[in-house]
Protein backbone atom coordinates (compact mmCIF):
# COMPACT_ATOMS: atom_id res chain seq x y z
CA MET A 1 -19.17 2.90 -16.32
CA THR A 2 -19.97 0.12 -13.86
CA PRO A 3 -21.57 1.43 -10.65
CA PHE A 4 -19.60 0.97 -7.45
CA THR A 5 -21.85 0.19 -4.49
CA ARG A 6 -20.56 -2.66 -2.34
CA LEU A 7 -17.52 -4.80 -3.04
CA THR A 8 -16.47 -7.94 -1.20
CA ALA A 9 -13.18 -9.07 -2.65
CA ILE A 10 -9.60 -10.12 -2.09
CA ALA A 11 -7.17 -7.32 -1.27
CA ALA A 12 -3.59 -7.50 -2.51
CA PRO A 13 -0.81 -6.00 -0.37
CA LEU A 14 1.61 -3.54 -1.97
CA PRO A 15 3.75 -2.20 0.91
CA VAL A 16 5.47 0.38 -1.30
CA ALA A 17 5.35 4.19 -1.10
CA ASN A 18 5.52 6.56 -4.08
CA VAL A 19 4.18 4.07 -6.62
CA ASP A 20 4.34 6.18 -9.78
CA THR A 21 2.36 5.87 -12.99
CA ASP A 22 5.37 4.53 -14.88
CA MET A 23 5.57 1.66 -12.39
CA LEU A 24 1.86 1.08 -12.85
CA LEU A 25 2.13 1.18 -16.64
CA PRO A 26 5.50 1.72 -18.36
CA ALA A 27 5.60 4.37 -21.08
CA ARG A 28 6.12 1.87 -23.90
CA PHE A 29 2.53 0.68 -23.43
CA LEU A 30 1.01 4.12 -24.04
CA LYS A 31 0.65 3.72 -27.81
CA THR A 32 -3.02 2.78 -27.61
CA VAL A 33 -6.09 4.90 -26.95
CA SER A 34 -8.13 1.83 -26.01
CA ARG A 35 -8.86 1.07 -22.37
CA LYS A 36 -8.95 -2.66 -23.08
CA GLY A 37 -5.99 -4.99 -22.82
CA LEU A 38 -3.78 -2.80 -20.66
CA GLY A 39 -4.27 -4.99 -17.60
CA THR A 40 -1.68 -7.43 -18.97
CA ALA A 41 0.95 -4.66 -18.71
CA LEU A 42 0.05 -3.50 -15.19
CA PHE A 43 3.16 -3.49 -12.93
CA HIS A 44 4.97 -5.04 -15.89
CA ALA A 45 8.52 -4.72 -14.52
CA GLN A 46 7.45 -6.11 -11.16
CA ARG A 47 5.29 -8.95 -12.53
CA PHE A 48 7.60 -10.20 -15.28
CA ASP A 49 11.33 -10.82 -15.71
CA MET A 50 13.37 -9.92 -18.81
CA ASP A 51 12.23 -13.11 -20.55
CA GLY A 52 8.55 -12.39 -19.92
CA ALA A 53 8.18 -15.04 -17.21
CA GLU A 54 6.15 -14.20 -14.12
CA ARG A 55 8.05 -13.27 -10.99
CA PRO A 56 6.64 -15.63 -8.32
CA ASP A 57 7.34 -13.22 -5.45
CA PHE A 58 5.01 -10.46 -6.73
CA PRO A 59 1.59 -10.65 -5.01
CA LEU A 60 -0.51 -10.30 -8.16
CA ASN A 61 1.22 -13.37 -9.60
CA ARG A 62 0.22 -15.55 -6.62
CA LEU A 63 -2.98 -17.08 -5.34
CA PRO A 64 -5.32 -15.81 -4.01
CA TRP A 65 -4.14 -12.31 -5.01
CA ARG A 66 -4.21 -13.01 -8.75
CA GLY A 67 -7.92 -12.28 -8.54
CA ALA A 68 -7.59 -9.24 -6.29
CA GLU A 69 -10.03 -6.37 -6.81
CA ILE A 70 -8.70 -4.25 -3.95
CA LEU A 71 -5.17 -2.92 -3.58
CA VAL A 72 -3.67 -1.77 -0.25
CA ALA A 73 -0.63 0.47 -0.70
CA LEU A 74 1.40 3.19 1.03
CA ASP A 75 1.78 6.97 0.69
CA ASN A 76 1.64 9.03 -2.51
CA PHE A 77 0.15 6.34 -4.72
CA GLY A 78 -0.10 7.31 -8.40
CA CYS A 79 2.57 10.01 -8.42
CA GLY A 80 4.59 10.90 -11.51
CA SER A 81 3.13 11.72 -14.92
CA SER A 82 -0.60 12.32 -15.29
CA ARG A 83 -1.15 9.44 -17.77
CA GLU A 84 -4.74 8.20 -17.56
CA HIS A 85 -3.58 4.89 -19.00
CA ALA A 86 -2.45 3.95 -15.46
CA PRO A 87 -5.96 3.79 -13.98
CA TRP A 88 -7.12 2.20 -17.25
CA ALA A 89 -4.62 -0.62 -16.65
CA LEU A 90 -5.71 -1.08 -13.05
CA GLU A 91 -9.37 -1.19 -14.02
CA ASP A 92 -8.71 -3.59 -16.91
CA PHE A 93 -6.80 -5.91 -14.55
CA GLY A 94 -9.84 -5.93 -12.27
CA ILE A 95 -8.88 -3.50 -9.49
CA ARG A 96 -11.96 -1.56 -8.32
CA CYS A 97 -10.64 -0.02 -5.09
CA ILE A 98 -7.27 1.29 -3.86
CA ILE A 99 -6.60 2.04 -0.19
CA ALA A 100 -3.64 4.20 0.81
CA PRO A 101 -2.67 7.01 3.23
CA SER A 102 -2.41 9.48 0.32
CA PHE A 103 -2.67 9.74 -3.45
CA ALA A 104 -1.26 12.02 -6.14
CA ASP A 105 -4.03 14.52 -6.96
CA ILE A 106 -4.41 13.87 -10.70
CA PHE A 107 -4.33 10.10 -10.28
CA TYR A 108 -6.89 10.36 -7.47
CA GLY A 109 -9.30 12.24 -9.73
CA ASN A 110 -8.71 9.87 -12.64
CA CYS A 111 -9.74 6.92 -10.48
CA PHE A 112 -13.23 8.34 -10.05
CA LYS A 113 -13.47 9.09 -13.77
CA ASN A 114 -12.79 5.42 -14.50
CA GLY A 115 -15.09 3.77 -12.00
CA MET A 116 -12.52 3.06 -9.27
CA LEU A 117 -12.75 4.08 -5.63
CA PRO A 118 -9.57 5.50 -4.04
CA ILE A 119 -9.83 5.53 -0.23
CA VAL A 120 -7.61 7.70 1.95
CA LEU A 121 -7.05 6.37 5.48
CA ASP A 122 -4.56 7.23 8.20
CA ALA A 123 -1.40 5.13 8.30
CA ALA A 124 -2.43 3.07 11.33
CA LYS A 125 -5.62 1.85 9.63
CA VAL A 126 -3.80 1.13 6.39
CA GLU A 127 -1.25 -0.87 8.39
CA ARG A 128 -4.02 -3.09 9.82
CA LEU A 129 -5.55 -3.62 6.37
CA MET A 130 -2.10 -4.32 4.91
CA ALA A 131 -1.56 -7.03 7.54
CA ASP A 132 -4.94 -8.55 6.61
CA ALA A 133 -4.11 -8.46 2.91
CA GLU A 134 -0.81 -10.25 3.44
CA GLN A 135 -2.52 -13.37 4.78
CA PRO A 136 -4.74 -15.47 2.47
CA ASN A 137 -7.22 -16.29 5.23
CA THR A 138 -7.84 -12.60 6.07
CA ALA A 139 -7.31 -10.98 2.66
CA THR A 140 -11.02 -10.74 1.83
CA MET A 141 -12.68 -7.51 2.97
CA THR A 142 -15.85 -5.59 2.16
CA VAL A 143 -15.91 -1.99 0.92
CA ASP A 144 -19.34 -0.38 1.14
CA LEU A 145 -19.50 2.99 -0.61
CA GLN A 146 -23.10 3.65 0.40
CA ARG A 147 -22.21 3.37 4.09
CA GLN A 148 -18.59 4.48 3.55
CA THR A 149 -17.20 1.57 5.53
CA ILE A 150 -14.58 -1.15 5.20
CA VAL A 151 -15.28 -4.41 7.05
CA ARG A 152 -12.20 -6.43 7.93
CA ALA A 153 -12.12 -10.23 8.11
CA ASN A 154 -12.29 -10.03 11.92
CA GLY A 155 -15.46 -7.92 11.75
CA GLU A 156 -13.91 -4.56 12.60
CA VAL A 157 -15.60 -1.71 10.74
CA ILE A 158 -13.39 1.14 9.47
CA ASP A 159 -15.09 4.34 8.34
CA PHE A 160 -13.88 6.46 5.44
CA SER A 161 -15.13 9.59 3.70
CA THR A 162 -15.46 10.52 0.05
CA ASP A 163 -16.38 13.74 -1.73
CA PRO A 164 -20.22 13.63 -1.95
CA GLN A 165 -20.44 14.41 -5.68
CA ARG A 166 -17.76 11.90 -6.65
CA ARG A 167 -19.34 9.31 -4.38
CA GLN A 168 -22.73 9.77 -6.02
CA ARG A 169 -21.28 9.47 -9.52
CA LEU A 170 -19.64 6.17 -8.57
CA LEU A 171 -22.86 4.89 -7.01
CA ASP A 172 -24.75 5.83 -10.18
CA GLY A 173 -22.04 4.55 -12.52
CA VAL A 174 -21.67 7.83 -14.42
CA ASP A 175 -18.72 10.07 -15.16
CA GLU A 176 -18.82 13.88 -15.23
CA ILE A 177 -19.87 14.04 -18.88
CA ALA A 178 -22.69 11.53 -18.41
CA GLN A 179 -23.83 13.45 -15.34
CA SER A 180 -23.91 16.69 -17.34
CA LEU A 181 -25.98 14.99 -20.05
CA THR A 182 -28.72 14.25 -17.51
CA PHE A 183 -29.43 18.00 -17.81
CA GLU A 184 -29.54 17.83 -21.63
CA LYS A 185 -33.11 19.15 -21.88
CA THR A 186 -32.35 22.05 -19.54
CA ILE A 187 -29.18 22.89 -21.46
CA ALA A 188 -31.05 22.79 -24.80
CA ALA A 189 -33.80 25.07 -23.40
CA HIS A 190 -31.16 27.53 -22.20
CA GLU A 191 -29.49 27.53 -25.63
CA ARG A 192 -32.82 28.28 -27.32
CA SER A 193 -33.63 31.13 -24.93
CA TRP A 194 -30.12 32.53 -25.26
CA ARG A 195 -30.38 32.64 -29.06
CA THR A 196 -33.68 34.52 -28.73
CA ALA A 197 -32.49 36.95 -26.06
CA ALA A 198 -29.12 37.78 -27.64
CA PRO A 199 -29.16 36.94 -31.37
CA TRP A 200 -26.39 39.43 -32.02
CA VAL A 201 -23.96 37.29 -29.97
CA ARG A 202 -24.59 34.27 -32.18
CA GLU A 203 -24.23 36.35 -35.34
CA LEU A 204 -20.96 37.78 -34.05
CA THR A 205 -19.66 34.28 -33.24
CA VAL A 206 -20.64 32.94 -36.66
CA GLY A 207 -18.93 35.91 -38.27
CA PHE A 208 -15.66 35.26 -36.46
CA ALA A 209 -15.82 31.57 -37.41
CA ALA A 210 -16.43 32.41 -41.08
CA THR A 211 -13.53 34.85 -41.30
CA GLY A 212 -11.16 32.94 -39.09
CA THR A 213 -10.77 36.01 -36.90
CA GLY A 214 -10.00 35.46 -33.22
CA CYS A 215 -11.56 37.48 -30.44
C-alpha cells in the first residue's frame, strides 16, 4: 500500500449528497476480484452516456479535473452496500483523498484499508473547499496527513483530525494485516510458549479436526 503523507493535487467538486456505492461502481462491474482496471468504471452512469461516450458536463471528464486526486463531496458519502470494489475503483482512478461532512461507516473504514484518506469536516469548511474545487485556478490544494491540515489555494489552513492508529497506518503505508505481521516474532514466540504450557489444548484441537467434531 502506498504511504499517504502529503498530497498536493487537483480537487474535483461533487456537490451531491448520499453518493452510494452503486453510483461509485455499478453492480455489473463486481465480477472481478482484482483491484486493477476498475477506475474506468468509476461513476460509470455519470461519466458515460448509453453509447459509451463521455458526458462533457461531469467534472471527471473535464480538464483539469480529469487528473484529480482529491474529491470534495457532500453528506453520507459511500452509503449503500458495503462493496469494497467502490474504494478500489476510486483508488484505481487515482483518488487518494475524499473530503465530505460525513461518510457511511463501512465505506469510511474501507478507505483506510485501501490507502485513501477520508476527511470529515463541518459543512461550512466543505462549502469553501467545494467553491475552490469548482474553479480551475483554485482547485489545487494540499492535504498534509502528518500535520492534519488542508491548505487552500488562498493560503488558508484548515485543520482536520483522524483516528491515530488509522493515521499511522496510512503514513506507514500498511494495512491492518501488514501491521499485525510486524509482531510476527512475538506472535510466534507466544505460540511456542502456549504449546508448551497447555499441550492438552492443542491435542484436543487436533482431535476435533481429525474427527470433524465441532466444539
